[in-house]
N, C-alpha and C. Protein backbone atom coordinates (compact mmCIF):
# COMPACT_ATOMS: atom_id res chain seq x y z
N UNK A 1 15.05 55.54 -30.13
CA UNK A 1 14.88 54.90 -28.84
C UNK A 1 15.33 55.85 -27.74
N UNK A 2 14.54 55.98 -26.72
CA UNK A 2 14.88 56.82 -25.58
C UNK A 2 15.80 56.05 -24.64
N UNK A 3 16.61 56.81 -23.92
CA UNK A 3 17.55 56.20 -22.99
C UNK A 3 17.54 57.00 -21.69
N UNK A 4 18.05 56.39 -20.64
CA UNK A 4 17.99 56.99 -19.31
C UNK A 4 19.30 56.79 -18.57
N UNK A 5 19.75 57.87 -17.93
CA UNK A 5 20.86 57.77 -16.98
C UNK A 5 20.32 58.23 -15.64
N UNK A 6 20.33 57.32 -14.66
CA UNK A 6 20.01 57.69 -13.29
C UNK A 6 21.31 58.26 -12.72
N UNK A 7 21.33 59.57 -12.52
CA UNK A 7 22.55 60.25 -12.09
C UNK A 7 22.72 60.13 -10.58
N UNK A 8 21.67 60.43 -9.87
CA UNK A 8 21.63 60.32 -8.41
C UNK A 8 20.20 59.91 -8.06
N UNK A 9 19.97 59.38 -6.90
CA UNK A 9 18.59 59.03 -6.55
C UNK A 9 17.65 60.23 -6.73
N UNK A 10 16.60 60.03 -7.49
CA UNK A 10 15.65 61.09 -7.75
C UNK A 10 16.06 62.06 -8.85
N UNK A 11 17.23 61.86 -9.45
CA UNK A 11 17.72 62.73 -10.52
C UNK A 11 18.10 61.88 -11.72
N UNK A 12 17.24 61.91 -12.72
CA UNK A 12 17.55 61.12 -13.90
C UNK A 12 17.55 62.01 -15.15
N UNK A 13 18.25 61.56 -16.15
CA UNK A 13 18.41 62.28 -17.41
C UNK A 13 17.95 61.37 -18.54
N UNK A 14 16.99 61.86 -19.32
CA UNK A 14 16.50 61.10 -20.47
C UNK A 14 17.01 61.76 -21.73
N UNK A 15 17.36 60.93 -22.70
CA UNK A 15 17.87 61.45 -23.97
C UNK A 15 17.55 60.47 -25.08
N UNK A 16 17.96 60.85 -26.27
CA UNK A 16 17.87 59.91 -27.39
C UNK A 16 18.92 58.83 -27.18
N UNK A 17 18.70 57.70 -27.82
CA UNK A 17 19.67 56.61 -27.73
C UNK A 17 21.03 57.02 -28.26
N UNK A 18 21.05 57.83 -29.31
CA UNK A 18 22.32 58.26 -29.89
C UNK A 18 23.13 59.13 -28.95
N UNK A 19 22.48 60.06 -28.27
CA UNK A 19 23.19 60.92 -27.33
C UNK A 19 23.62 60.14 -26.09
N UNK A 20 22.81 59.21 -25.67
CA UNK A 20 23.17 58.31 -24.56
C UNK A 20 24.43 57.53 -24.92
N UNK A 21 24.44 56.92 -26.12
CA UNK A 21 25.60 56.15 -26.56
C UNK A 21 26.84 57.04 -26.63
N UNK A 22 26.69 58.25 -27.17
CA UNK A 22 27.83 59.18 -27.28
C UNK A 22 28.40 59.46 -25.89
N UNK A 23 27.52 59.65 -24.92
CA UNK A 23 27.95 59.94 -23.55
C UNK A 23 28.74 58.76 -22.98
N UNK A 24 28.22 57.56 -23.12
CA UNK A 24 28.94 56.40 -22.61
C UNK A 24 30.25 56.18 -23.37
N UNK A 25 30.22 56.39 -24.67
CA UNK A 25 31.46 56.23 -25.45
C UNK A 25 32.50 57.27 -25.06
N UNK A 26 32.08 58.42 -24.59
CA UNK A 26 33.01 59.41 -24.06
C UNK A 26 33.62 58.89 -22.75
N UNK A 27 32.80 58.33 -21.89
CA UNK A 27 33.26 57.89 -20.58
C UNK A 27 34.13 56.64 -20.62
N UNK A 28 33.78 55.68 -21.44
CA UNK A 28 34.42 54.36 -21.44
C UNK A 28 35.95 54.42 -21.45
N UNK A 29 36.58 55.09 -22.39
CA UNK A 29 38.05 55.05 -22.41
C UNK A 29 38.71 55.86 -21.30
N UNK A 30 37.95 56.64 -20.59
CA UNK A 30 38.49 57.51 -19.55
C UNK A 30 38.35 56.93 -18.15
N UNK A 31 37.57 55.87 -18.00
CA UNK A 31 37.34 55.28 -16.68
C UNK A 31 38.53 54.44 -16.23
N UNK A 32 38.87 54.56 -14.97
CA UNK A 32 39.96 53.74 -14.44
C UNK A 32 39.47 52.34 -14.06
N UNK A 33 38.18 52.20 -13.80
CA UNK A 33 37.58 50.91 -13.44
C UNK A 33 37.25 50.14 -14.72
N UNK A 34 38.12 49.22 -15.08
CA UNK A 34 37.96 48.48 -16.34
C UNK A 34 36.68 47.64 -16.36
N UNK A 35 36.27 47.12 -15.22
CA UNK A 35 35.04 46.32 -15.19
C UNK A 35 33.83 47.18 -15.53
N UNK A 36 33.78 48.39 -15.00
CA UNK A 36 32.67 49.29 -15.33
C UNK A 36 32.74 49.70 -16.79
N UNK A 37 33.93 49.98 -17.28
CA UNK A 37 34.09 50.36 -18.69
C UNK A 37 33.60 49.23 -19.59
N UNK A 38 33.95 48.01 -19.27
CA UNK A 38 33.51 46.86 -20.07
C UNK A 38 31.99 46.70 -20.01
N UNK A 39 31.42 46.89 -18.84
CA UNK A 39 29.97 46.80 -18.70
C UNK A 39 29.30 47.88 -19.55
N UNK A 40 29.85 49.10 -19.54
CA UNK A 40 29.29 50.18 -20.35
C UNK A 40 29.38 49.86 -21.84
N UNK A 41 30.46 49.21 -22.25
CA UNK A 41 30.57 48.78 -23.65
C UNK A 41 29.42 47.85 -24.01
N UNK A 42 29.11 46.95 -23.12
CA UNK A 42 27.99 46.03 -23.33
C UNK A 42 26.67 46.78 -23.42
N UNK A 43 26.48 47.77 -22.56
CA UNK A 43 25.25 48.58 -22.59
C UNK A 43 25.09 49.21 -23.97
N UNK A 44 26.18 49.77 -24.52
CA UNK A 44 26.12 50.41 -25.84
C UNK A 44 25.91 49.36 -26.93
N UNK A 45 26.71 48.31 -26.92
CA UNK A 45 26.64 47.30 -27.98
C UNK A 45 25.29 46.60 -28.02
N UNK A 46 24.69 46.36 -26.87
CA UNK A 46 23.42 45.64 -26.80
C UNK A 46 22.20 46.58 -26.79
N UNK A 47 22.46 47.88 -26.94
CA UNK A 47 21.38 48.88 -26.94
C UNK A 47 20.48 48.76 -25.71
N UNK A 48 21.09 48.65 -24.55
CA UNK A 48 20.32 48.46 -23.33
C UNK A 48 19.63 49.75 -22.86
N UNK A 49 20.20 50.89 -23.20
CA UNK A 49 19.53 52.16 -23.01
C UNK A 49 19.37 52.69 -21.60
N UNK A 50 20.12 52.15 -20.65
CA UNK A 50 20.05 52.75 -19.31
C UNK A 50 21.35 52.54 -18.55
N UNK A 51 21.65 53.51 -17.71
CA UNK A 51 22.82 53.47 -16.84
C UNK A 51 22.38 54.00 -15.49
N UNK A 52 22.64 53.24 -14.45
CA UNK A 52 22.29 53.64 -13.09
C UNK A 52 23.58 53.92 -12.34
N UNK A 53 24.02 55.15 -12.36
CA UNK A 53 25.29 55.51 -11.72
C UNK A 53 25.29 55.16 -10.23
N UNK A 54 24.17 55.35 -9.48
CA UNK A 54 24.20 54.99 -8.06
C UNK A 54 24.47 53.50 -7.79
N UNK A 55 24.31 52.64 -8.77
CA UNK A 55 24.60 51.21 -8.59
C UNK A 55 26.08 50.89 -8.74
N UNK A 56 26.87 51.85 -9.20
CA UNK A 56 28.29 51.63 -9.42
C UNK A 56 29.07 51.86 -8.12
N UNK A 57 30.31 51.35 -8.05
CA UNK A 57 31.13 51.60 -6.86
C UNK A 57 31.27 53.11 -6.61
N UNK A 58 31.35 53.49 -5.37
CA UNK A 58 31.42 54.90 -4.98
C UNK A 58 32.55 55.65 -5.70
N UNK A 59 33.71 55.03 -5.77
CA UNK A 59 34.86 55.67 -6.43
C UNK A 59 34.56 55.90 -7.91
N UNK A 60 33.89 54.97 -8.55
CA UNK A 60 33.55 55.10 -9.97
C UNK A 60 32.50 56.20 -10.16
N UNK A 61 31.54 56.28 -9.27
CA UNK A 61 30.56 57.36 -9.35
C UNK A 61 31.25 58.71 -9.32
N UNK A 62 32.16 58.89 -8.36
CA UNK A 62 32.89 60.15 -8.22
C UNK A 62 33.68 60.44 -9.48
N UNK A 63 34.30 59.43 -10.06
CA UNK A 63 35.08 59.61 -11.28
C UNK A 63 34.18 60.02 -12.45
N UNK A 64 33.03 59.40 -12.58
CA UNK A 64 32.10 59.75 -13.65
C UNK A 64 31.64 61.20 -13.51
N UNK A 65 31.28 61.61 -12.31
CA UNK A 65 30.85 63.00 -12.11
C UNK A 65 31.97 63.96 -12.50
N UNK A 66 33.19 63.65 -12.11
CA UNK A 66 34.32 64.52 -12.46
C UNK A 66 34.53 64.57 -13.97
N UNK A 67 34.44 63.43 -14.63
CA UNK A 67 34.61 63.40 -16.09
C UNK A 67 33.54 64.23 -16.79
N UNK A 68 32.32 64.15 -16.30
CA UNK A 68 31.24 64.92 -16.92
C UNK A 68 31.40 66.41 -16.67
N UNK A 69 32.02 66.78 -15.58
CA UNK A 69 32.18 68.20 -15.25
C UNK A 69 33.40 68.83 -15.90
N UNK A 70 34.33 68.04 -16.40
CA UNK A 70 35.58 68.58 -16.91
C UNK A 70 35.52 68.84 -18.41
N UNK A 71 36.15 68.04 -19.23
CA UNK A 71 36.26 68.30 -20.67
C UNK A 71 35.07 67.79 -21.48
N UNK A 72 34.12 67.19 -20.85
CA UNK A 72 32.98 66.59 -21.53
C UNK A 72 32.26 67.60 -22.43
N UNK A 73 31.94 68.76 -21.88
CA UNK A 73 31.18 69.75 -22.64
C UNK A 73 32.01 70.32 -23.79
N UNK A 74 33.30 70.56 -23.57
CA UNK A 74 34.16 71.07 -24.65
C UNK A 74 34.23 70.06 -25.80
N UNK A 75 34.32 68.81 -25.47
CA UNK A 75 34.34 67.77 -26.50
C UNK A 75 33.01 67.75 -27.25
N UNK A 76 31.91 67.82 -26.51
CA UNK A 76 30.58 67.82 -27.12
C UNK A 76 30.41 69.00 -28.07
N UNK A 77 30.88 70.17 -27.67
CA UNK A 77 30.75 71.37 -28.52
C UNK A 77 31.48 71.21 -29.84
N UNK A 78 32.55 70.42 -29.86
CA UNK A 78 33.30 70.17 -31.09
C UNK A 78 32.63 69.14 -31.99
N UNK A 79 31.90 68.20 -31.37
CA UNK A 79 31.41 67.04 -32.12
C UNK A 79 29.89 67.00 -32.35
N UNK A 80 29.14 67.75 -31.57
CA UNK A 80 27.68 67.62 -31.60
C UNK A 80 26.99 68.94 -31.94
N UNK A 81 25.72 68.85 -32.20
CA UNK A 81 24.92 70.03 -32.51
C UNK A 81 24.70 70.87 -31.25
N UNK A 82 24.39 72.15 -31.42
CA UNK A 82 24.09 72.99 -30.25
C UNK A 82 22.93 72.44 -29.41
N UNK A 83 21.93 71.88 -30.03
CA UNK A 83 20.80 71.31 -29.28
C UNK A 83 21.26 70.15 -28.40
N UNK A 84 22.14 69.32 -28.92
CA UNK A 84 22.66 68.20 -28.14
C UNK A 84 23.49 68.70 -26.96
N UNK A 85 24.25 69.75 -27.19
CA UNK A 85 25.08 70.32 -26.12
C UNK A 85 24.18 70.82 -24.98
N UNK A 86 23.07 71.44 -25.31
CA UNK A 86 22.13 71.91 -24.29
C UNK A 86 21.62 70.73 -23.46
N UNK A 87 21.30 69.63 -24.11
CA UNK A 87 20.86 68.44 -23.37
C UNK A 87 21.95 67.92 -22.44
N UNK A 88 23.19 67.95 -22.91
CA UNK A 88 24.30 67.48 -22.08
C UNK A 88 24.55 68.41 -20.91
N UNK A 89 24.31 69.69 -21.08
CA UNK A 89 24.42 70.63 -19.96
C UNK A 89 23.44 70.25 -18.86
N UNK A 90 22.27 69.77 -19.25
CA UNK A 90 21.28 69.33 -18.26
C UNK A 90 21.78 68.11 -17.50
N UNK A 91 22.44 67.21 -18.21
CA UNK A 91 23.04 66.04 -17.54
C UNK A 91 24.09 66.48 -16.53
N UNK A 92 24.97 67.37 -16.94
CA UNK A 92 26.02 67.84 -16.05
C UNK A 92 25.43 68.48 -14.79
N UNK A 93 24.38 69.27 -14.96
CA UNK A 93 23.76 69.93 -13.80
C UNK A 93 23.25 68.92 -12.77
N UNK A 94 22.85 67.76 -13.22
CA UNK A 94 22.34 66.72 -12.31
C UNK A 94 23.45 66.09 -11.46
N UNK A 95 24.72 66.29 -11.82
CA UNK A 95 25.81 65.68 -11.08
C UNK A 95 26.15 66.42 -9.80
N UNK A 96 25.59 67.60 -9.62
CA UNK A 96 25.89 68.41 -8.43
C UNK A 96 24.89 68.17 -7.32
């Protein structure tokens, strides 16, 4: 199943459902906004397959971009295939 993250207006990232879930599962425990984290858990559990970051509170958007730019890639390199890491690099580039 394909999945989509709308990173910014006009900038979206498509991936496999598994890589999408891995990305959200990385973010969930690191978010300070518990309501957003809980909503993301629902997205993963219900296989909803999309996340629209621009719909989230401004502070949460900023936090997500920072999380994706920091240790996200190092964690991915330890846990995922090189091909998956390349896809995640594309996601990170969309946050700028």
